[in-house]
């Protein structure tokens, strides 16, 4: 597998420094991607960089994932119009551990092979570096003129940010450049990869290596394009915020639904970028999808591949089953399999009513009183009786044959919820408190 060719057909190269392809023809390459550990989870905006490392390892080369324990304390100004809050060391250490666990689903850290992935943290080499040492050893190698010419700096200084740019953020590109120098010297790392907004920071690193170590020391840069949606909006953002890889932040069901609901045009790009499927398989899927877009073949396979990769096959199957609860035939057993978060995600758009637990205790409450008196699931008891006789009322996906049937705490899902259904598609979620 030719790594650069692989990225090209997948649409994953935005810029590449001359000589990068030739480097891969000459040797086994060590390359790194920097990850900002400002949260204890990656989100899908990180996935393009992570997939580049995955393809790199699959092509026989060595990936380094650098978590910015030091640079994360400062905050990267690239693409930002204001300074970020600074994190303390304890929080950063926790975030780094969580991120490594997520990366291990994409990269092999435990192999005995020479190209086993490694996680490195720039805090390890920056924590004992004094300011005076840094100014003498690194600061003198790069001119202010060079640093001022970077787009990320120019935009901030030309009025994009109300408060300009602090010295802290101005030095960020030097710190990131030093990471590259350090990895070049200690790990023989000759390539840094990242998003297109990182080009300025990455090339500062290649320039620092050349100026510090001499012109015959070559280092290279490769960036992936900024991922957008067909409508031009930012990829990975929803009304509720980021789509995270951590199941506690974004449930596997919501994660699966995100990919399932992407536009046709986006699905054709995303399946190349976010899966490891080969070209022949993807071309066949795209062709099949174009023949009958209504079947959403592409979105279904994309959602399957990414959900299995990030979570597990079991999580994918549960997400699929949860999707069918709303739109297909499902049983009470399907409902009871759902954890609380998934249940709430599946029924987030349906009317909800709060009910006192005391109503359901002991002998319970008649279904007709619960749904037509204590809640407004039905406009009247007469309406409910009529629908029940016609088989049009269900509780927890089981047909209700008697409107006077007692509903008790034994009927609760997750000891807290009751799902009422009117007809095929009208749902109500009762929350018992």
Protein backbone atom coordinates (compact mmCIF):
# COMPACT_ATOMS: atom_id res chain seq x y z
CA UNK A 1 0.00 0.00 0.00
CA UNK A 2 1.40 3.38 -1.07
CA UNK A 3 0.52 5.79 1.73
CA UNK A 4 0.45 9.01 -0.32
CA UNK A 5 -1.54 7.37 -3.14
CA UNK A 6 -3.97 6.02 -0.55
CA UNK A 7 -4.57 9.50 0.87
CA UNK A 8 -4.92 11.00 -2.61
CA UNK A 9 -7.80 8.79 -3.80
CA UNK A 10 -9.49 9.24 -0.44
CA UNK A 11 -9.40 13.04 -0.85
CA UNK A 12 -7.31 13.44 2.30
CA UNK A 13 -4.48 15.66 1.04
CA UNK A 14 -4.78 19.44 1.08
CA UNK A 15 -1.12 20.51 1.04
CA UNK A 16 2.07 18.51 0.90
CA UNK A 17 5.64 19.71 1.02
CA UNK A 18 7.76 18.83 -2.05
CA UNK A 19 9.76 15.65 -1.49
CA UNK A 20 7.19 13.98 0.79
CA UNK A 21 6.27 11.27 -1.75
CA UNK A 22 9.93 10.56 -2.42
CA UNK A 23 10.56 10.17 1.32
CA UNK A 24 8.04 7.30 1.45
CA UNK A 25 9.74 5.61 -1.48
CA UNK A 26 13.10 5.65 0.33
CA UNK A 27 12.38 4.49 3.87
CA UNK A 28 9.95 3.49 6.60
CA UNK A 29 8.67 6.85 7.74
CA UNK A 30 7.86 7.96 11.27
CA UNK A 31 5.16 10.65 11.27
CA UNK A 32 3.09 12.38 13.90
CA UNK A 33 -0.19 14.19 14.40
CA UNK A 34 -0.68 16.58 17.30
CA UNK A 35 -3.86 16.32 19.38
CA UNK A 36 -5.05 19.04 21.73
CA UNK A 37 -6.05 17.45 25.08
CA UNK A 38 -8.40 20.22 26.21
CA UNK A 39 -11.21 17.64 26.70
CA UNK A 40 -11.21 14.05 28.00
CA UNK A 41 -12.52 12.80 24.66
CA UNK A 42 -11.83 13.22 20.99
CA UNK A 43 -14.70 14.34 18.77
CA UNK A 44 -15.27 13.51 15.12
CA UNK A 45 -13.43 16.66 14.08
CA UNK A 46 -10.26 14.82 15.17
CA UNK A 47 -11.02 11.74 13.08
CA UNK A 48 -9.41 12.82 9.81
CA UNK A 49 -6.01 13.23 11.51
CA UNK A 50 -6.46 9.96 13.41
CA UNK A 51 -7.39 8.13 10.19
CA UNK A 52 -4.23 9.48 8.53
CA UNK A 53 -2.22 7.81 11.33
CA UNK A 54 -4.26 4.61 10.86
CA UNK A 55 -3.58 4.51 7.12
CA UNK A 56 0.09 5.29 7.83
CA UNK A 57 0.41 2.26 10.13
CA UNK A 58 -1.50 0.02 7.70
CA UNK A 59 0.97 1.05 5.00
CA UNK A 60 3.85 -0.20 7.18
CA UNK A 61 5.02 3.14 8.57
CA UNK A 62 5.24 4.28 12.19
CA UNK A 63 2.61 6.62 13.70
CA UNK A 64 3.18 8.88 16.67
CA UNK A 65 0.20 10.49 18.37
CA UNK A 66 1.38 13.57 20.20
CA UNK A 67 -0.91 14.88 22.91
CA UNK A 68 -0.08 18.46 23.74
CA UNK A 69 0.15 18.35 27.52
CA UNK A 70 2.37 21.45 27.37
CA UNK A 71 0.89 23.26 24.37
CA UNK A 72 -2.59 22.41 25.67
CA UNK A 73 -1.79 24.64 28.64
CA UNK A 74 -1.50 27.58 26.24
CA UNK A 75 -4.07 26.99 23.50
CA UNK A 76 -3.51 27.03 19.74
CA UNK A 77 -4.52 30.38 18.17
CA UNK A 78 -5.09 28.80 14.74
CA UNK A 79 -8.64 29.48 13.61
CA UNK A 80 -9.54 31.01 16.98
CA UNK A 81 -10.66 34.58 17.50
CA UNK A 82 -10.09 34.61 21.25
CA UNK A 83 -7.81 33.07 23.87
CA UNK A 84 -8.76 29.79 25.47
CA UNK A 85 -9.01 28.97 29.14
CA UNK A 86 -5.85 27.35 30.45
CA UNK A 87 -6.06 23.88 32.00
CA UNK A 88 -4.20 22.61 35.04
CA UNK A 89 -1.78 19.68 35.01
CA UNK A 90 -4.11 17.20 36.76
CA UNK A 91 -6.93 17.80 34.27
CA UNK A 92 -4.55 17.45 31.33
CA UNK A 93 -3.14 14.17 32.66
CA UNK A 94 -6.67 12.75 32.98
CA UNK A 95 -7.54 13.92 29.45
CA UNK A 96 -4.39 12.31 28.00
CA UNK A 97 -5.26 8.90 29.52
CA UNK A 98 -8.79 9.03 28.12
CA UNK A 99 -7.56 10.02 24.67
CA UNK A 100 -5.02 7.18 24.54
CA UNK A 101 -7.79 4.66 25.29
CA UNK A 102 -9.79 6.03 22.35
CA UNK A 103 -6.80 6.07 19.99
CA UNK A 104 -6.10 2.40 20.76
CA UNK A 105 -9.25 1.52 18.79
CA UNK A 106 -7.60 2.99 15.67
CA UNK A 107 -3.90 2.32 16.22
CA UNK A 108 -1.91 -0.69 17.39
CA UNK A 109 0.18 0.45 20.36
CA UNK A 110 0.98 -3.07 21.61
CA UNK A 111 2.55 -4.71 18.56
CA UNK A 112 6.13 -6.04 18.59
CA UNK A 113 6.54 -4.72 15.04
CA UNK A 114 8.92 -1.80 14.41
CA UNK A 115 5.96 0.34 13.32
CA UNK A 116 3.97 0.01 16.56
CA UNK A 117 2.19 3.25 17.36
CA UNK A 118 3.46 5.41 20.21
CA UNK A 119 1.76 8.05 22.32
CA UNK A 120 4.01 10.95 23.28
CA UNK A 121 3.25 13.95 25.47
CA UNK A 122 5.14 17.18 24.90
CA UNK A 123 4.81 18.04 28.59
CA UNK A 124 7.46 15.36 29.20
CA UNK A 125 10.13 17.32 27.36
CA UNK A 126 8.87 20.84 28.00
CA UNK A 127 8.30 20.73 31.79
CA UNK A 128 11.98 21.21 32.71
CA UNK A 129 12.82 23.59 29.87
CA UNK A 130 13.45 27.02 31.41
CA UNK A 131 12.30 30.17 29.67
CA UNK A 132 15.89 31.40 29.36
CA UNK A 133 17.01 28.11 27.81
CA UNK A 134 14.11 28.18 25.35
CA UNK A 135 14.82 31.79 24.37
CA UNK A 136 18.53 31.02 23.79
CA UNK A 137 18.23 27.62 22.10
CA UNK A 138 15.03 28.00 20.09
CA UNK A 139 13.96 31.64 20.07
CA UNK A 140 17.09 32.79 18.26
CA UNK A 141 16.50 30.37 15.37
CA UNK A 142 13.23 31.87 14.06
CA UNK A 143 12.76 35.57 13.34
CA UNK A 144 9.76 37.60 14.46
CA UNK A 145 9.26 38.56 10.79
CA UNK A 146 8.86 34.86 9.92
CA UNK A 147 6.37 34.31 12.74
CA UNK A 148 4.37 37.46 11.89
CA UNK A 149 3.88 36.27 8.31
CA UNK A 150 1.77 33.27 9.41
CA UNK A 151 -1.93 33.55 8.55
CA UNK A 152 -3.03 32.57 12.07
CA UNK A 153 -1.03 35.50 13.47
CA UNK A 154 -1.93 38.03 10.76
CA UNK A 155 -5.67 37.43 11.12
CA UNK A 156 -5.54 37.99 14.86
CA UNK A 157 -3.39 41.12 14.59
CA UNK A 158 -5.46 42.63 11.79
CA UNK A 159 -8.50 43.11 13.95
CA UNK A 160 -10.20 39.69 13.87
CA UNK A 161 -9.88 39.54 17.64
CA UNK A 162 -10.85 42.46 19.84
CA UNK A 163 -7.99 41.92 22.26
CA UNK A 164 -5.28 41.20 19.71
CA UNK A 165 -2.91 38.36 20.58
CA UNK A 166 -1.01 37.63 23.76
CA UNK A 167 2.69 36.78 23.84
CA UNK A 168 1.63 33.35 25.11
CA UNK A 169 -0.29 32.54 21.95
CA UNK A 170 2.26 34.22 19.72
CA UNK A 171 4.88 31.75 20.95
CA UNK A 172 2.62 28.74 20.26
CA UNK A 173 4.08 28.09 16.81
CA UNK A 174 7.59 28.04 18.29
CA UNK A 175 6.54 25.50 20.91
CA UNK A 176 4.90 23.30 18.28
CA UNK A 177 7.96 23.74 16.09
CA UNK A 178 10.13 22.55 18.96
CA UNK A 179 7.97 19.41 19.29
CA UNK A 180 8.85 18.54 15.70
CA UNK A 181 12.55 19.22 16.34
CA UNK A 182 12.51 17.06 19.47
CA UNK A 183 10.76 14.14 17.72
CA UNK A 184 13.08 14.52 14.71
CA UNK A 185 16.12 14.17 16.98
CA UNK A 186 14.80 11.49 19.37
CA UNK A 187 12.43 9.42 17.19
CA UNK A 188 13.79 10.07 13.67
CA UNK A 189 10.36 11.58 12.91
CA UNK A 190 10.53 13.35 9.55
CA UNK A 191 6.87 14.16 8.86
CA UNK A 192 4.21 16.09 10.70
CA UNK A 193 0.59 15.79 9.57
CA UNK A 194 -2.51 17.71 10.59
CA UNK A 195 -5.49 19.74 9.46
CA UNK A 196 -5.09 22.46 6.84
CA UNK A 197 -5.29 25.12 9.58
CA UNK A 198 -2.02 23.69 10.99
CA UNK A 199 0.11 24.34 7.89
CA UNK A 200 1.71 27.47 9.39
CA UNK A 201 2.61 25.76 12.67
CA UNK A 202 3.92 22.64 10.91
CA UNK A 203 6.14 24.55 8.47
CA UNK A 204 7.59 26.53 11.39
CA UNK A 205 8.76 23.14 12.67
CA UNK A 206 10.38 22.16 9.37
CA UNK A 207 12.10 25.56 9.24
CA UNK A 208 13.32 25.24 12.84
CA UNK A 209 14.83 21.80 12.10
CA UNK A 210 16.64 23.20 9.07
CA UNK A 211 17.97 26.28 10.88
CA UNK A 212 18.92 24.48 14.11
CA UNK A 213 20.45 21.33 12.66
CA UNK A 214 21.60 22.44 9.20
CA UNK A 215 20.16 22.55 5.68
CA UNK A 216 20.82 18.84 5.00
CA UNK A 217 18.29 17.90 7.72
CA UNK A 218 15.01 17.65 5.86
CA UNK A 219 11.59 17.45 7.44
CA UNK A 220 8.22 17.42 5.72
CA UNK A 221 4.61 18.55 6.12
CA UNK A 222 1.29 17.11 4.96
CA UNK A 223 -2.19 18.41 5.75
CA UNK A 224 -5.70 17.11 5.19
CA UNK A 225 -8.50 19.41 4.04
CA UNK A 226 -10.89 21.05 6.44
CA UNK A 227 -13.91 18.73 6.47
CA UNK A 228 -17.17 20.53 5.75
CA UNK A 229 -20.74 19.54 5.01
CA UNK A 230 -22.38 19.93 1.60
CA UNK A 231 -24.27 22.99 2.86
CA UNK A 232 -21.02 24.65 3.91
CA UNK A 233 -21.67 24.28 7.64
CA UNK A 234 -19.05 23.00 10.03
CA UNK A 235 -18.66 19.22 10.06
CA UNK A 236 -19.35 17.39 13.32
CA UNK A 237 -21.43 20.11 14.94
CA UNK A 238 -25.11 19.62 15.76
CA UNK A 239 -27.63 21.68 17.67
CA UNK A 240 -26.49 19.85 20.79
CA UNK A 241 -22.80 20.52 20.09
CA UNK A 242 -19.92 18.22 19.14
CA UNK A 243 -20.31 14.55 18.23
CA UNK A 244 -17.89 12.94 20.71
CA UNK A 245 -16.20 9.54 20.65
CA UNK A 246 -16.93 9.06 24.38
CA UNK A 247 -20.21 7.20 24.82
CA UNK A 248 -20.98 9.22 27.97
CA UNK A 249 -20.91 12.45 25.96
CA UNK A 250 -22.54 11.12 22.78
CA UNK A 251 -24.38 7.79 22.99
CA UNK A 252 -23.55 5.16 20.33
CA UNK A 253 -27.15 5.54 19.07
CA UNK A 254 -26.78 9.31 18.53
CA UNK A 255 -23.33 8.70 17.02
CA UNK A 256 -24.78 6.14 14.59
CA UNK A 257 -27.68 8.45 13.71
CA UNK A 258 -25.28 11.29 12.85
CA UNK A 259 -23.61 9.25 10.11
CA UNK A 260 -26.87 7.67 8.96
CA UNK A 261 -28.38 11.10 8.31
CA UNK A 262 -25.58 12.76 6.31
CA UNK A 263 -26.43 14.06 2.83
CA UNK A 264 -25.72 11.86 -0.22
CA UNK A 265 -22.90 14.14 -1.41
CA UNK A 266 -21.28 14.08 2.03
CA UNK A 267 -21.63 10.29 2.35
CA UNK A 268 -19.54 9.81 -0.83
CA UNK A 269 -16.70 11.87 0.68
CA UNK A 270 -16.99 10.68 4.26
CA UNK A 271 -16.89 6.95 3.48
CA UNK A 272 -13.48 7.49 1.87
CA UNK A 273 -12.12 9.58 4.75
CA UNK A 274 -13.55 7.89 7.83
CA UNK A 275 -13.39 4.18 6.98
CA UNK A 276 -10.67 1.73 5.98
CA UNK A 277 -12.75 0.16 3.21
CA UNK A 278 -10.75 -0.35 0.01
CA UNK A 279 -11.30 1.58 -3.21
CA UNK A 280 -13.10 -1.23 -5.06
CA UNK A 281 -15.59 -1.69 -2.20
CA UNK A 282 -16.26 2.04 -1.90
CA UNK A 283 -16.64 2.52 -5.67
CA UNK A 284 -19.16 -0.35 -5.77
CA UNK A 285 -21.11 1.14 -2.83
CA UNK A 286 -21.22 4.57 -4.47
CA UNK A 287 -22.48 3.07 -7.73
CA UNK A 288 -25.13 1.00 -5.92
CA UNK A 289 -26.23 4.09 -4.00
CA UNK A 290 -26.56 6.20 -7.13
CA UNK A 291 -28.82 3.57 -8.71
CA UNK A 292 -31.30 3.91 -5.84
CA UNK A 293 -30.49 6.75 -3.38
CA UNK A 294 -33.68 6.11 -1.43
CA UNK A 295 -32.24 2.91 0.05
CA UNK A 296 -29.39 4.96 1.57
CA UNK A 297 -26.91 2.11 1.05
CA UNK A 298 -23.95 4.46 1.44
CA UNK A 299 -25.11 6.09 4.66
CA UNK A 300 -25.97 2.72 6.21
CA UNK A 301 -22.53 1.25 5.47
CA UNK A 302 -20.77 4.46 6.56
CA UNK A 303 -22.69 4.50 9.86
CA UNK A 304 -21.93 0.82 10.42
CA UNK A 305 -18.20 1.08 9.73
CA UNK A 306 -17.58 4.18 11.86
CA UNK A 307 -19.76 3.04 14.78
CA UNK A 308 -18.03 -0.37 14.90
CA UNK A 309 -14.60 1.29 14.69
CA UNK A 310 -15.25 3.87 17.41
CA UNK A 311 -17.48 1.75 19.69
CA UNK A 312 -18.06 -1.95 18.90
CA UNK A 313 -20.08 -4.35 16.76
CA UNK A 314 -22.44 -4.87 19.70
CA UNK A 315 -23.02 -1.11 20.06
CA UNK A 316 -23.73 -0.86 16.34
CA UNK A 317 -26.32 -3.65 16.53
CA UNK A 318 -27.99 -2.04 19.55
CA UNK A 319 -28.06 1.32 17.74
CA UNK A 320 -29.62 -0.38 14.72
CA UNK A 321 -32.23 -2.03 16.93
CA UNK A 322 -32.92 1.28 18.69
CA UNK A 323 -33.45 2.95 15.30
CA UNK A 324 -36.04 0.31 14.42
CA UNK A 325 -38.04 1.00 17.59
CA UNK A 326 -39.26 4.30 16.18
CA UNK A 327 -39.61 3.29 12.55
CA UNK A 328 -39.99 -0.47 12.40
CA UNK A 329 -41.48 -3.38 14.28
CA UNK A 330 -40.09 -3.72 17.76
CA UNK A 331 -40.94 -5.60 20.94
CA UNK A 332 -40.84 -4.85 24.65
CA UNK A 333 -37.63 -6.89 24.72
CA UNK A 334 -36.05 -4.39 22.31
CA UNK A 335 -37.05 -1.55 24.63
CA UNK A 336 -35.65 -3.18 27.77
CA UNK A 337 -32.25 -3.60 26.07
CA UNK A 338 -31.82 0.18 25.82
CA UNK A 339 -29.78 1.94 28.46
CA UNK A 340 -31.29 5.12 29.88
CA UNK A 341 -29.32 7.54 27.69
CA UNK A 342 -30.18 5.69 24.48
CA UNK A 343 -33.86 5.53 25.49
CA UNK A 344 -33.86 9.31 26.02
CA UNK A 345 -31.99 9.89 22.74
CA UNK A 346 -34.40 7.72 20.74
CA UNK A 347 -37.45 9.51 22.14
CA UNK A 348 -35.94 12.99 22.51
CA UNK A 349 -38.46 14.49 20.07
CA UNK A 350 -41.67 12.99 21.49
CA UNK A 351 -44.03 14.66 24.00
CA UNK A 352 -43.01 13.95 27.60
CA UNK A 353 -45.05 13.99 30.81
CA UNK A 354 -43.98 13.76 34.43
CA UNK A 355 -45.90 11.39 36.68
CA UNK A 356 -45.69 10.89 40.44
CA UNK A 357 -44.28 7.49 41.45
CA UNK A 358 -46.92 7.20 44.18
CA UNK A 359 -49.57 6.76 41.45
CA UNK A 360 -47.97 3.50 40.30
CA UNK A 361 -47.14 2.07 43.71
CA UNK A 362 -49.19 -0.69 45.30
CA UNK A 363 -52.08 -1.70 43.03
CA UNK A 364 -51.13 0.99 40.55
CA UNK A 365 -53.32 3.18 38.37
CA UNK A 366 -55.73 2.29 35.54
CA UNK A 367 -54.16 2.84 32.11
CA UNK A 368 -57.10 5.01 31.06
CA UNK A 369 -56.66 7.29 34.09
CA UNK A 370 -52.92 7.50 33.60
CA UNK A 371 -53.05 8.38 29.89
CA UNK A 372 -56.19 10.52 29.67
CA UNK A 373 -56.41 12.14 33.11
CA UNK A 374 -52.99 12.36 34.77
CA UNK A 375 -51.32 13.06 31.40
CA UNK A 376 -52.58 14.38 28.09
CA UNK A 377 -51.56 11.43 25.92
CA UNK A 378 -55.24 11.16 24.90
CA UNK A 379 -57.73 14.01 24.65
CA UNK A 380 -60.42 12.06 26.49
CA UNK A 381 -61.18 8.71 28.06
CA UNK A 382 -63.72 8.08 25.30
CA UNK A 383 -61.08 8.51 22.63
CA UNK A 384 -58.73 6.14 24.43
CA UNK A 385 -61.40 3.45 24.87
CA UNK A 386 -62.23 3.62 21.18
CA UNK A 387 -58.58 3.38 20.08
CA UNK A 388 -57.91 0.54 22.54
CA UNK A 389 -60.82 -1.50 21.09
CA UNK A 390 -59.30 -1.08 17.64
CA UNK A 391 -55.88 -2.26 18.86
CA UNK A 392 -54.38 1.21 18.50
CA UNK A 393 -52.88 1.67 21.98
CA UNK A 394 -49.63 0.17 23.23
CA UNK A 395 -47.68 0.49 26.46
CA UNK A 396 -43.98 -0.34 26.28
CA UNK A 397 -44.57 -1.80 22.78
CA UNK A 398 -47.22 -4.25 24.02
CA UNK A 399 -50.82 -3.90 22.78
CA UNK A 400 -53.22 -2.74 25.48
CA UNK A 401 -56.38 -4.88 25.36
CA UNK A 402 -58.14 -3.39 28.42
CA UNK A 403 -58.15 0.36 29.15
CA UNK A 404 -58.72 -0.43 32.84
CA UNK A 405 -55.59 -2.55 33.13
CA UNK A 406 -53.50 -1.53 36.15
CA UNK A 407 -50.13 0.08 35.45
CA UNK A 408 -47.66 -0.39 38.31
CA UNK A 409 -43.99 0.20 39.06
CA UNK A 410 -43.37 -3.28 37.57
CA UNK A 411 -44.12 -1.77 34.14
CA UNK A 412 -41.35 0.83 34.38
CA UNK A 413 -38.44 0.84 31.94
CA UNK A 414 -35.14 1.57 33.73
CA UNK A 415 -37.31 1.92 36.85
CA UNK A 416 -38.30 5.37 35.62
CA UNK A 417 -40.08 5.45 32.23
CA UNK A 418 -43.24 4.30 30.47
CA UNK A 419 -43.61 4.48 26.70
CA UNK A 420 -47.19 5.00 25.48
CA UNK A 421 -48.08 4.68 21.81
CA UNK A 422 -51.11 5.88 19.90
CA UNK A 423 -51.40 4.26 16.48
CA UNK A 424 -48.21 3.41 14.63
CA UNK A 425 -46.13 6.55 14.96
CA UNK A 426 -47.40 8.70 17.82
CA UNK A 427 -45.35 8.23 20.99
CA UNK A 428 -45.44 9.67 24.50
CA UNK A 429 -42.75 9.24 27.14
CA UNK A 430 -43.87 9.23 30.76
CA UNK A 431 -41.15 10.09 33.26
CA UNK A 432 -41.93 8.80 36.73
CA UNK A 433 -40.51 10.82 39.62
